[in-house]
All heavy atoms as atom14 arrays in JSON, in Angstrom:
{
  "sequence": "GEAFASTGTTLFGQPGQGVNATSWGVKAGIQFPHGSLWYAYDSTEL",
  "atom14_mask": [
    [1, 1, 1, 1, 0, 0, 0, 0, 0, 0, 0, 0, 0, 0],
    [1, 1, 1, 1, 1, 1, 1, 1, 1, 0, 0, 0, 0, 0],
    [1, 1, 1, 1, 1, 0, 0, 0, 0, 0, 0, 0, 0, 0],
    [1, 1, 1, 1, 1, 1, 1, 1, 1, 1, 1, 0, 0, 0],
    [1, 1, 1, 1, 1, 0, 0, 0, 0, 0, 0, 0, 0, 0],
    [1, 1, 1, 1, 1, 1, 0, 0, 0, 0, 0, 0, 0, 0],
    [1, 1, 1, 1, 1, 1, 1, 0, 0, 0, 0, 0, 0, 0],
    [1, 1, 1, 1, 0, 0, 0, 0, 0, 0, 0, 0, 0, 0],
    [1, 1, 1, 1, 1, 1, 1, 0, 0, 0, 0, 0, 0, 0],
    [1, 1, 1, 1, 1, 1, 1, 0, 0, 0, 0, 0, 0, 0],
    [1, 1, 1, 1, 1, 1, 1, 1, 0, 0, 0, 0, 0, 0],
    [1, 1, 1, 1, 1, 1, 1, 1, 1, 1, 1, 0, 0, 0],
    [1, 1, 1, 1, 0, 0, 0, 0, 0, 0, 0, 0, 0, 0],
    [1, 1, 1, 1, 1, 1, 1, 1, 1, 0, 0, 0, 0, 0],
    [1, 1, 1, 1, 1, 1, 1, 0, 0, 0, 0, 0, 0, 0],
    [1, 1, 1, 1, 0, 0, 0, 0, 0, 0, 0, 0, 0, 0],
    [1, 1, 1, 1, 1, 1, 1, 1, 1, 0, 0, 0, 0, 0],
    [1, 1, 1, 1, 0, 0, 0, 0, 0, 0, 0, 0, 0, 0],
    [1, 1, 1, 1, 1, 1, 1, 0, 0, 0, 0, 0, 0, 0],
    [1, 1, 1, 1, 1, 1, 1, 1, 0, 0, 0, 0, 0, 0],
    [1, 1, 1, 1, 1, 0, 0, 0, 0, 0, 0, 0, 0, 0],
    [1, 1, 1, 1, 1, 1, 1, 0, 0, 0, 0, 0, 0, 0],
    [1, 1, 1, 1, 1, 1, 0, 0, 0, 0, 0, 0, 0, 0],
    [1, 1, 1, 1, 1, 1, 1, 1, 1, 1, 1, 1, 1, 1],
    [1, 1, 1, 1, 0, 0, 0, 0, 0, 0, 0, 0, 0, 0],
    [1, 1, 1, 1, 1, 1, 1, 0, 0, 0, 0, 0, 0, 0],
    [1, 1, 1, 1, 1, 1, 1, 1, 1, 0, 0, 0, 0, 0],
    [1, 1, 1, 1, 1, 0, 0, 0, 0, 0, 0, 0, 0, 0],
    [1, 1, 1, 1, 0, 0, 0, 0, 0, 0, 0, 0, 0, 0],
    [1, 1, 1, 1, 1, 1, 1, 1, 0, 0, 0, 0, 0, 0],
    [1, 1, 1, 1, 1, 1, 1, 1, 1, 0, 0, 0, 0, 0],
    [1, 1, 1, 1, 1, 1, 1, 1, 1, 1, 1, 0, 0, 0],
    [1, 1, 1, 1, 1, 1, 1, 0, 0, 0, 0, 0, 0, 0],
    [1, 1, 1, 1, 1, 1, 1, 1, 1, 1, 0, 0, 0, 0],
    [1, 1, 1, 1, 0, 0, 0, 0, 0, 0, 0, 0, 0, 0],
    [1, 1, 1, 1, 1, 1, 0, 0, 0, 0, 0, 0, 0, 0],
    [1, 1, 1, 1, 1, 1, 1, 1, 0, 0, 0, 0, 0, 0],
    [1, 1, 1, 1, 1, 1, 1, 1, 1, 1, 1, 1, 1, 1],
    [1, 1, 1, 1, 1, 1, 1, 1, 1, 1, 1, 1, 0, 0],
    [1, 1, 1, 1, 1, 0, 0, 0, 0, 0, 0, 0, 0, 0],
    [1, 1, 1, 1, 1, 1, 1, 1, 1, 1, 1, 1, 0, 0],
    [1, 1, 1, 1, 1, 1, 1, 1, 0, 0, 0, 0, 0, 0],
    [1, 1, 1, 1, 1, 1, 0, 0, 0, 0, 0, 0, 0, 0],
    [1, 1, 1, 1, 1, 1, 1, 0, 0, 0, 0, 0, 0, 0],
    [1, 1, 1, 1, 1, 1, 1, 1, 1, 0, 0, 0, 0, 0],
    [1, 1, 1, 1, 1, 1, 1, 1, 0, 0, 0, 0, 0, 0]
  ],
  "atom14_positions": [
    [[9.75, 67.0, 54.78], [10.19, 65.91, 55.64], [9.13, 65.55, 56.67], [9.39, 65.52, 57.88], [0.0, 0.0, 0.0], [0.0, 0.0, 0.0], [0.0, 0.0, 0.0], [0.0, 0.0, 0.0], [0.0, 0.0, 0.0], [0.0, 0.0, 0.0], [0.0, 0.0, 0.0], [0.0, 0.0, 0.0], [0.0, 0.0, 0.0], [0.0, 0.0, 0.0]],
    [[7.91, 65.29, 56.2], [6.77, 65.11, 57.09], [7.01, 64.06, 58.18], [6.62, 64.25, 59.34], [5.52, 64.72, 56.3], [5.01, 65.8, 55.35], [5.59, 65.64, 53.95], [6.62, 64.94, 53.81], [5.03, 66.21, 53.0], [0.0, 0.0, 0.0], [0.0, 0.0, 0.0], [0.0, 0.0, 0.0], [0.0, 0.0, 0.0], [0.0, 0.0, 0.0]],
    [[7.66, 62.97, 57.81], [7.87, 61.9, 58.79], [8.7, 62.37, 59.97], [8.43, 62.02, 61.12], [8.54, 60.71, 58.11], [0.0, 0.0, 0.0], [0.0, 0.0, 0.0], [0.0, 0.0, 0.0], [0.0, 0.0, 0.0], [0.0, 0.0, 0.0], [0.0, 0.0, 0.0], [0.0, 0.0, 0.0], [0.0, 0.0, 0.0], [0.0, 0.0, 0.0]],
    [[9.72, 63.18, 59.71], [10.57, 63.68, 60.79], [9.89, 64.82, 61.55], [9.89, 64.86, 62.78], [11.91, 64.16, 60.22], [12.68, 63.1, 59.49], [12.77, 63.11, 58.11], [13.31, 62.07, 60.18], [13.47, 62.14, 57.43], [14.02, 61.09, 59.51], [14.1, 61.12, 58.13], [0.0, 0.0, 0.0], [0.0, 0.0, 0.0], [0.0, 0.0, 0.0]],
    [[9.29, 65.76, 60.78], [8.69, 66.94, 61.42], [7.52, 66.57, 62.32], [7.37, 67.11, 63.43], [8.23, 67.92, 60.34], [0.0, 0.0, 0.0], [0.0, 0.0, 0.0], [0.0, 0.0, 0.0], [0.0, 0.0, 0.0], [0.0, 0.0, 0.0], [0.0, 0.0, 0.0], [0.0, 0.0, 0.0], [0.0, 0.0, 0.0], [0.0, 0.0, 0.0]],
    [[6.68, 65.63, 61.89], [5.48, 65.3, 62.67], [5.79, 64.56, 63.95], [4.97, 64.51, 64.87], [4.53, 64.46, 61.8], [5.12, 63.22, 61.46], [0.0, 0.0, 0.0], [0.0, 0.0, 0.0], [0.0, 0.0, 0.0], [0.0, 0.0, 0.0], [0.0, 0.0, 0.0], [0.0, 0.0, 0.0], [0.0, 0.0, 0.0], [0.0, 0.0, 0.0]],
    [[6.99, 63.97, 64.04], [7.37, 63.22, 65.24], [8.45, 63.94, 66.05], [8.87, 63.42, 67.1], [7.89, 61.82, 64.86], [9.01, 61.96, 63.97], [6.8, 61.01, 64.19], [0.0, 0.0, 0.0], [0.0, 0.0, 0.0], [0.0, 0.0, 0.0], [0.0, 0.0, 0.0], [0.0, 0.0, 0.0], [0.0, 0.0, 0.0], [0.0, 0.0, 0.0]],
    [[8.9, 65.09, 65.57], [9.96, 65.8, 66.27], [11.28, 65.05, 66.25], [12.13, 65.23, 67.14], [0.0, 0.0, 0.0], [0.0, 0.0, 0.0], [0.0, 0.0, 0.0], [0.0, 0.0, 0.0], [0.0, 0.0, 0.0], [0.0, 0.0, 0.0], [0.0, 0.0, 0.0], [0.0, 0.0, 0.0], [0.0, 0.0, 0.0], [0.0, 0.0, 0.0]],
    [[11.48, 64.2, 65.25], [12.68, 63.38, 65.15], [13.85, 64.21, 64.61], [13.7, 65.01, 63.7], [12.43, 62.19, 64.22], [11.36, 61.41, 64.76], [13.65, 61.31, 64.1], [0.0, 0.0, 0.0], [0.0, 0.0, 0.0], [0.0, 0.0, 0.0], [0.0, 0.0, 0.0], [0.0, 0.0, 0.0], [0.0, 0.0, 0.0], [0.0, 0.0, 0.0]],
    [[15.01, 64.0, 65.18], [16.21, 64.72, 64.74], [17.17, 63.77, 64.04], [17.11, 62.55, 64.23], [16.94, 65.36, 65.92], [17.44, 64.34, 66.78], [15.99, 66.27, 66.71], [0.0, 0.0, 0.0], [0.0, 0.0, 0.0], [0.0, 0.0, 0.0], [0.0, 0.0, 0.0], [0.0, 0.0, 0.0], [0.0, 0.0, 0.0], [0.0, 0.0, 0.0]],
    [[18.07, 64.33, 63.25], [19.17, 63.6, 62.66], [20.46, 64.28, 63.07], [20.58, 65.52, 62.97], [19.07, 63.56, 61.14], [17.98, 62.68, 60.53], [18.0, 62.79, 59.0], [18.15, 61.24, 60.95], [0.0, 0.0, 0.0], [0.0, 0.0, 0.0], [0.0, 0.0, 0.0], [0.0, 0.0, 0.0], [0.0, 0.0, 0.0], [0.0, 0.0, 0.0]],
    [[21.42, 63.5, 63.59], [22.69, 64.03, 64.06], [22.48, 65.12, 65.11], [23.27, 66.06, 65.22], [23.53, 64.56, 62.89], [23.72, 63.56, 61.78], [23.05, 63.7, 60.57], [24.55, 62.47, 61.96], [23.21, 62.78, 59.56], [24.73, 61.53, 60.94], [24.04, 61.68, 59.74], [0.0, 0.0, 0.0], [0.0, 0.0, 0.0], [0.0, 0.0, 0.0]],
    [[21.37, 65.01, 65.85], [21.08, 65.96, 66.9], [20.61, 67.32, 66.42], [20.49, 68.26, 67.2], [0.0, 0.0, 0.0], [0.0, 0.0, 0.0], [0.0, 0.0, 0.0], [0.0, 0.0, 0.0], [0.0, 0.0, 0.0], [0.0, 0.0, 0.0], [0.0, 0.0, 0.0], [0.0, 0.0, 0.0], [0.0, 0.0, 0.0], [0.0, 0.0, 0.0]],
    [[20.3, 67.44, 65.12], [19.89, 68.71, 64.53], [18.44, 68.59, 64.06], [18.17, 67.92, 63.07], [20.79, 69.08, 63.34], [22.27, 68.97, 63.63], [22.71, 69.86, 64.78], [22.43, 71.06, 64.8], [23.41, 69.27, 65.74], [0.0, 0.0, 0.0], [0.0, 0.0, 0.0], [0.0, 0.0, 0.0], [0.0, 0.0, 0.0], [0.0, 0.0, 0.0]],
    [[17.48, 69.22, 64.74], [16.07, 69.03, 64.39], [15.7, 69.61, 63.04], [15.18, 68.9, 62.18], [15.34, 69.75, 65.53], [16.33, 70.74, 66.06], [17.67, 70.1, 65.9], [0.0, 0.0, 0.0], [0.0, 0.0, 0.0], [0.0, 0.0, 0.0], [0.0, 0.0, 0.0], [0.0, 0.0, 0.0], [0.0, 0.0, 0.0], [0.0, 0.0, 0.0]],
    [[15.95, 70.87, 62.78], [15.66, 71.47, 61.49], [14.18, 71.71, 61.24], [13.31, 71.2, 61.93], [0.0, 0.0, 0.0], [0.0, 0.0, 0.0], [0.0, 0.0, 0.0], [0.0, 0.0, 0.0], [0.0, 0.0, 0.0], [0.0, 0.0, 0.0], [0.0, 0.0, 0.0], [0.0, 0.0, 0.0], [0.0, 0.0, 0.0], [0.0, 0.0, 0.0]],
    [[13.91, 72.5, 60.23], [12.54, 72.87, 59.86], [12.11, 72.24, 58.54], [11.02, 72.5, 58.05], [12.44, 74.4, 59.78], [12.77, 75.09, 61.09], [12.82, 76.6, 60.96], [12.6, 77.14, 59.88], [13.1, 77.28, 62.05], [0.0, 0.0, 0.0], [0.0, 0.0, 0.0], [0.0, 0.0, 0.0], [0.0, 0.0, 0.0], [0.0, 0.0, 0.0]],
    [[12.94, 71.44, 57.94], [12.61, 70.79, 56.69], [13.87, 70.26, 56.04], [14.99, 70.48, 56.52], [0.0, 0.0, 0.0], [0.0, 0.0, 0.0], [0.0, 0.0, 0.0], [0.0, 0.0, 0.0], [0.0, 0.0, 0.0], [0.0, 0.0, 0.0], [0.0, 0.0, 0.0], [0.0, 0.0, 0.0], [0.0, 0.0, 0.0], [0.0, 0.0, 0.0]],
    [[13.7, 69.54, 54.95], [14.83, 68.95, 54.24], [15.45, 70.0, 53.32], [14.75, 70.64, 52.53], [14.39, 67.73, 53.42], [15.56, 67.18, 52.61], [13.82, 66.66, 54.34], [0.0, 0.0, 0.0], [0.0, 0.0, 0.0], [0.0, 0.0, 0.0], [0.0, 0.0, 0.0], [0.0, 0.0, 0.0], [0.0, 0.0, 0.0], [0.0, 0.0, 0.0]],
    [[16.75, 70.18, 53.43], [17.48, 71.13, 52.6], [18.92, 70.63, 52.51], [19.72, 70.85, 53.42], [17.42, 72.54, 53.18], [18.1, 73.56, 52.29], [18.43, 73.29, 51.13], [18.33, 74.76, 52.82], [0.0, 0.0, 0.0], [0.0, 0.0, 0.0], [0.0, 0.0, 0.0], [0.0, 0.0, 0.0], [0.0, 0.0, 0.0], [0.0, 0.0, 0.0]],
    [[19.26, 69.93, 51.44], [20.58, 69.31, 51.32], [21.19, 69.61, 49.95], [20.5, 69.6, 48.93], [20.49, 67.81, 51.52], [0.0, 0.0, 0.0], [0.0, 0.0, 0.0], [0.0, 0.0, 0.0], [0.0, 0.0, 0.0], [0.0, 0.0, 0.0], [0.0, 0.0, 0.0], [0.0, 0.0, 0.0], [0.0, 0.0, 0.0], [0.0, 0.0, 0.0]],
    [[22.49, 69.87, 49.97], [23.24, 70.12, 48.74], [24.56, 69.36, 48.84], [25.3, 69.51, 49.81], [23.54, 71.62, 48.54], [22.33, 72.35, 48.6], [24.23, 71.86, 47.21], [0.0, 0.0, 0.0], [0.0, 0.0, 0.0], [0.0, 0.0, 0.0], [0.0, 0.0, 0.0], [0.0, 0.0, 0.0], [0.0, 0.0, 0.0], [0.0, 0.0, 0.0]],
    [[24.85, 68.55, 47.84], [26.09, 67.78, 47.84], [26.68, 67.76, 46.43], [25.95, 67.71, 45.44], [25.81, 66.34, 48.31], [27.0, 65.57, 48.33], [0.0, 0.0, 0.0], [0.0, 0.0, 0.0], [0.0, 0.0, 0.0], [0.0, 0.0, 0.0], [0.0, 0.0, 0.0], [0.0, 0.0, 0.0], [0.0, 0.0, 0.0], [0.0, 0.0, 0.0]],
    [[27.99, 67.81, 46.36], [28.67, 67.75, 45.06], [29.99, 67.01, 45.22], [30.54, 66.89, 46.31], [28.91, 69.16, 44.51], [29.75, 70.04, 45.4], [29.31, 70.82, 46.43], [31.17, 70.19, 45.37], [30.36, 71.46, 47.04], [31.52, 71.11, 46.4], [32.18, 69.66, 44.56], [32.84, 71.48, 46.64], [33.5, 70.03, 44.8], [33.82, 70.94, 45.82]],
    [[30.48, 66.49, 44.1], [31.72, 65.74, 44.15], [32.43, 65.7, 42.82], [31.82, 65.9, 41.76], [0.0, 0.0, 0.0], [0.0, 0.0, 0.0], [0.0, 0.0, 0.0], [0.0, 0.0, 0.0], [0.0, 0.0, 0.0], [0.0, 0.0, 0.0], [0.0, 0.0, 0.0], [0.0, 0.0, 0.0], [0.0, 0.0, 0.0], [0.0, 0.0, 0.0]],
    [[33.74, 65.45, 42.86], [34.56, 65.31, 41.66], [35.45, 64.08, 41.82], [35.75, 63.65, 42.94], [35.43, 66.56, 41.41], [34.56, 67.76, 41.04], [36.29, 66.88, 42.63], [0.0, 0.0, 0.0], [0.0, 0.0, 0.0], [0.0, 0.0, 0.0], [0.0, 0.0, 0.0], [0.0, 0.0, 0.0], [0.0, 0.0, 0.0], [0.0, 0.0, 0.0]],
    [[35.85, 63.56, 40.68], [36.66, 62.34, 40.68], [37.59, 62.36, 39.47], [37.18, 62.79, 38.39], [35.73, 61.12, 40.63], [36.39, 59.76, 40.65], [35.32, 58.67, 40.62], [35.89, 57.28, 40.64], [34.82, 56.25, 40.6], [0.0, 0.0, 0.0], [0.0, 0.0, 0.0], [0.0, 0.0, 0.0], [0.0, 0.0, 0.0], [0.0, 0.0, 0.0]],
    [[38.82, 61.91, 39.64], [39.78, 61.87, 38.53], [40.73, 60.7, 38.74], [41.08, 60.37, 39.88], [40.56, 63.18, 38.43], [0.0, 0.0, 0.0], [0.0, 0.0, 0.0], [0.0, 0.0, 0.0], [0.0, 0.0, 0.0], [0.0, 0.0, 0.0], [0.0, 0.0, 0.0], [0.0, 0.0, 0.0], [0.0, 0.0, 0.0], [0.0, 0.0, 0.0]],
    [[41.14, 60.09, 37.63], [42.05, 58.96, 37.74], [42.55, 58.5, 36.41], [42.34, 59.15, 35.37], [0.0, 0.0, 0.0], [0.0, 0.0, 0.0], [0.0, 0.0, 0.0], [0.0, 0.0, 0.0], [0.0, 0.0, 0.0], [0.0, 0.0, 0.0], [0.0, 0.0, 0.0], [0.0, 0.0, 0.0], [0.0, 0.0, 0.0], [0.0, 0.0, 0.0]],
    [[43.2, 57.35, 36.41], [43.71, 56.75, 35.19], [43.39, 55.26, 35.19], [43.36, 54.61, 36.24], [45.23, 56.95, 35.03], [45.98, 56.38, 36.25], [45.57, 58.43, 34.82], [47.48, 56.37, 36.09], [0.0, 0.0, 0.0], [0.0, 0.0, 0.0], [0.0, 0.0, 0.0], [0.0, 0.0, 0.0], [0.0, 0.0, 0.0], [0.0, 0.0, 0.0]],
    [[43.14, 54.76, 34.0], [43.01, 53.32, 33.78], [44.22, 52.87, 32.97], [44.56, 53.47, 31.96], [41.72, 53.01, 33.02], [40.46, 53.27, 33.82], [39.2, 52.94, 33.04], [39.21, 52.95, 31.81], [38.12, 52.68, 33.74], [0.0, 0.0, 0.0], [0.0, 0.0, 0.0], [0.0, 0.0, 0.0], [0.0, 0.0, 0.0], [0.0, 0.0, 0.0]],
    [[44.87, 51.85, 33.44], [46.04, 51.32, 32.75], [45.9, 49.81, 32.62], [44.98, 49.23, 33.22], [47.32, 51.7, 33.5], [47.31, 51.36, 34.96], [47.7, 50.1, 35.41], [46.88, 52.29, 35.91], [47.69, 49.78, 36.75], [46.85, 51.98, 37.26], [47.27, 50.72, 37.68], [0.0, 0.0, 0.0], [0.0, 0.0, 0.0], [0.0, 0.0, 0.0]],
    [[46.75, 49.18, 31.81], [46.6, 47.73, 31.65], [46.58, 47.0, 32.98], [47.47, 47.15, 33.81], [47.85, 47.36, 30.83], [48.16, 48.6, 30.05], [47.81, 49.73, 30.98], [0.0, 0.0, 0.0], [0.0, 0.0, 0.0], [0.0, 0.0, 0.0], [0.0, 0.0, 0.0], [0.0, 0.0, 0.0], [0.0, 0.0, 0.0], [0.0, 0.0, 0.0]],
    [[45.49, 46.28, 33.22], [45.31, 45.44, 34.4], [45.12, 46.22, 35.7], [45.33, 45.67, 36.78], [46.47, 44.46, 34.57], [46.87, 43.75, 33.32], [45.95, 43.15, 32.48], [48.1, 43.58, 32.74], [46.58, 42.62, 31.44], [47.87, 42.87, 31.57], [0.0, 0.0, 0.0], [0.0, 0.0, 0.0], [0.0, 0.0, 0.0], [0.0, 0.0, 0.0]],
    [[44.72, 47.5, 35.62], [44.51, 48.21, 36.86], [43.98, 49.61, 36.7], [43.72, 50.08, 35.59], [0.0, 0.0, 0.0], [0.0, 0.0, 0.0], [0.0, 0.0, 0.0], [0.0, 0.0, 0.0], [0.0, 0.0, 0.0], [0.0, 0.0, 0.0], [0.0, 0.0, 0.0], [0.0, 0.0, 0.0], [0.0, 0.0, 0.0], [0.0, 0.0, 0.0]],
    [[43.8, 50.29, 37.83], [43.31, 51.67, 37.83], [43.72, 52.35, 39.13], [44.04, 51.69, 40.13], [41.78, 51.72, 37.68], [41.14, 51.1, 38.79], [0.0, 0.0, 0.0], [0.0, 0.0, 0.0], [0.0, 0.0, 0.0], [0.0, 0.0, 0.0], [0.0, 0.0, 0.0], [0.0, 0.0, 0.0], [0.0, 0.0, 0.0], [0.0, 0.0, 0.0]],
    [[43.73, 53.69, 39.1], [44.03, 54.5, 40.25], [43.2, 55.77, 40.17], [43.17, 56.42, 39.12], [45.52, 54.86, 40.3], [45.96, 55.85, 41.4], [45.79, 55.23, 42.78], [47.4, 56.28, 41.17], [0.0, 0.0, 0.0], [0.0, 0.0, 0.0], [0.0, 0.0, 0.0], [0.0, 0.0, 0.0], [0.0, 0.0, 0.0], [0.0, 0.0, 0.0]],
    [[42.47, 56.13, 41.26], [41.68, 57.35, 41.21], [41.59, 58.02, 42.58], [41.83, 57.4, 43.62], [40.28, 57.11, 40.65], [39.42, 56.07, 41.3], [39.23, 54.79, 40.87], [38.6, 56.22, 42.48], [38.35, 54.13, 41.71], [37.94, 54.99, 42.68], [38.36, 57.27, 43.35], [37.06, 54.79, 43.75], [37.48, 57.08, 44.42], [36.85, 55.85, 44.61]],
    [[41.25, 59.33, 42.51], [41.06, 60.16, 43.7], [39.71, 60.85, 43.57], [39.32, 61.29, 42.47], [42.17, 61.2, 43.8], [41.92, 62.26, 44.87], [42.33, 62.06, 46.18], [41.26, 63.45, 44.55], [42.09, 63.02, 47.17], [41.03, 64.41, 45.53], [41.44, 64.19, 46.83], [41.19, 65.14, 47.77], [0.0, 0.0, 0.0], [0.0, 0.0, 0.0]],
    [[38.98, 60.98, 44.69], [37.66, 61.62, 44.66], [37.47, 62.5, 45.87], [38.08, 62.27, 46.93], [36.56, 60.56, 44.6], [0.0, 0.0, 0.0], [0.0, 0.0, 0.0], [0.0, 0.0, 0.0], [0.0, 0.0, 0.0], [0.0, 0.0, 0.0], [0.0, 0.0, 0.0], [0.0, 0.0, 0.0], [0.0, 0.0, 0.0], [0.0, 0.0, 0.0]],
    [[36.63, 63.5, 45.69], [36.28, 64.43, 46.77], [34.78, 64.67, 46.73], [34.2, 64.88, 45.66], [37.02, 65.76, 46.59], [36.63, 66.82, 47.61], [37.31, 66.91, 48.82], [35.59, 67.72, 47.36], [36.97, 67.89, 49.77], [35.24, 68.69, 48.3], [35.93, 68.76, 49.49], [35.58, 69.71, 50.41], [0.0, 0.0, 0.0], [0.0, 0.0, 0.0]],
    [[34.13, 64.63, 47.9], [32.7, 64.91, 48.02], [32.47, 65.88, 49.16], [33.19, 65.85, 50.18], [31.91, 63.63, 48.3], [31.44, 62.94, 47.02], [30.94, 63.64, 46.12], [31.58, 61.71, 46.94], [0.0, 0.0, 0.0], [0.0, 0.0, 0.0], [0.0, 0.0, 0.0], [0.0, 0.0, 0.0], [0.0, 0.0, 0.0], [0.0, 0.0, 0.0]],
    [[31.46, 66.73, 49.0], [31.11, 67.68, 50.05], [29.6, 67.76, 50.18], [28.88, 67.88, 49.19], [31.67, 69.08, 49.73], [31.25, 70.03, 50.7], [0.0, 0.0, 0.0], [0.0, 0.0, 0.0], [0.0, 0.0, 0.0], [0.0, 0.0, 0.0], [0.0, 0.0, 0.0], [0.0, 0.0, 0.0], [0.0, 0.0, 0.0], [0.0, 0.0, 0.0]],
    [[29.11, 67.65, 51.41], [27.71, 67.89, 51.73], [27.64, 69.16, 52.56], [28.2, 69.21, 53.66], [27.1, 66.72, 52.52], [27.19, 65.52, 51.73], [25.63, 66.98, 52.83], [0.0, 0.0, 0.0], [0.0, 0.0, 0.0], [0.0, 0.0, 0.0], [0.0, 0.0, 0.0], [0.0, 0.0, 0.0], [0.0, 0.0, 0.0], [0.0, 0.0, 0.0]],
    [[27.0, 70.17, 52.02], [27.04, 71.49, 52.63], [26.23, 71.57, 53.92], [25.24, 70.85, 54.1], [26.51, 72.53, 51.63], [27.22, 72.53, 50.29], [28.69, 72.84, 50.41], [29.06, 73.62, 51.31], [29.49, 72.3, 49.61], [0.0, 0.0, 0.0], [0.0, 0.0, 0.0], [0.0, 0.0, 0.0], [0.0, 0.0, 0.0], [0.0, 0.0, 0.0]],
    [[26.68, 72.47, 54.83], [25.96, 72.73, 56.07], [24.88, 73.77, 55.79], [25.15, 74.85, 55.25], [26.92, 73.27, 57.13], [26.31, 73.62, 58.48], [25.8, 72.37, 59.19], [27.32, 74.36, 59.36], [0.0, 0.0, 0.0], [0.0, 0.0, 0.0], [0.0, 0.0, 0.0], [0.0, 0.0, 0.0], [0.0, 0.0, 0.0], [0.0, 0.0, 0.0]]
  ]
}
């Protein structure tokens, strides 16, 4: 994350020592005549 590290820039008030991100998600639903319904969940780890 050279752009952030070289300027001491923080994101969400958290400076950090480099980029380290993990995110995952799931989604499930149904498609029916003339419509759809679904539910989803996403998580970005700390």
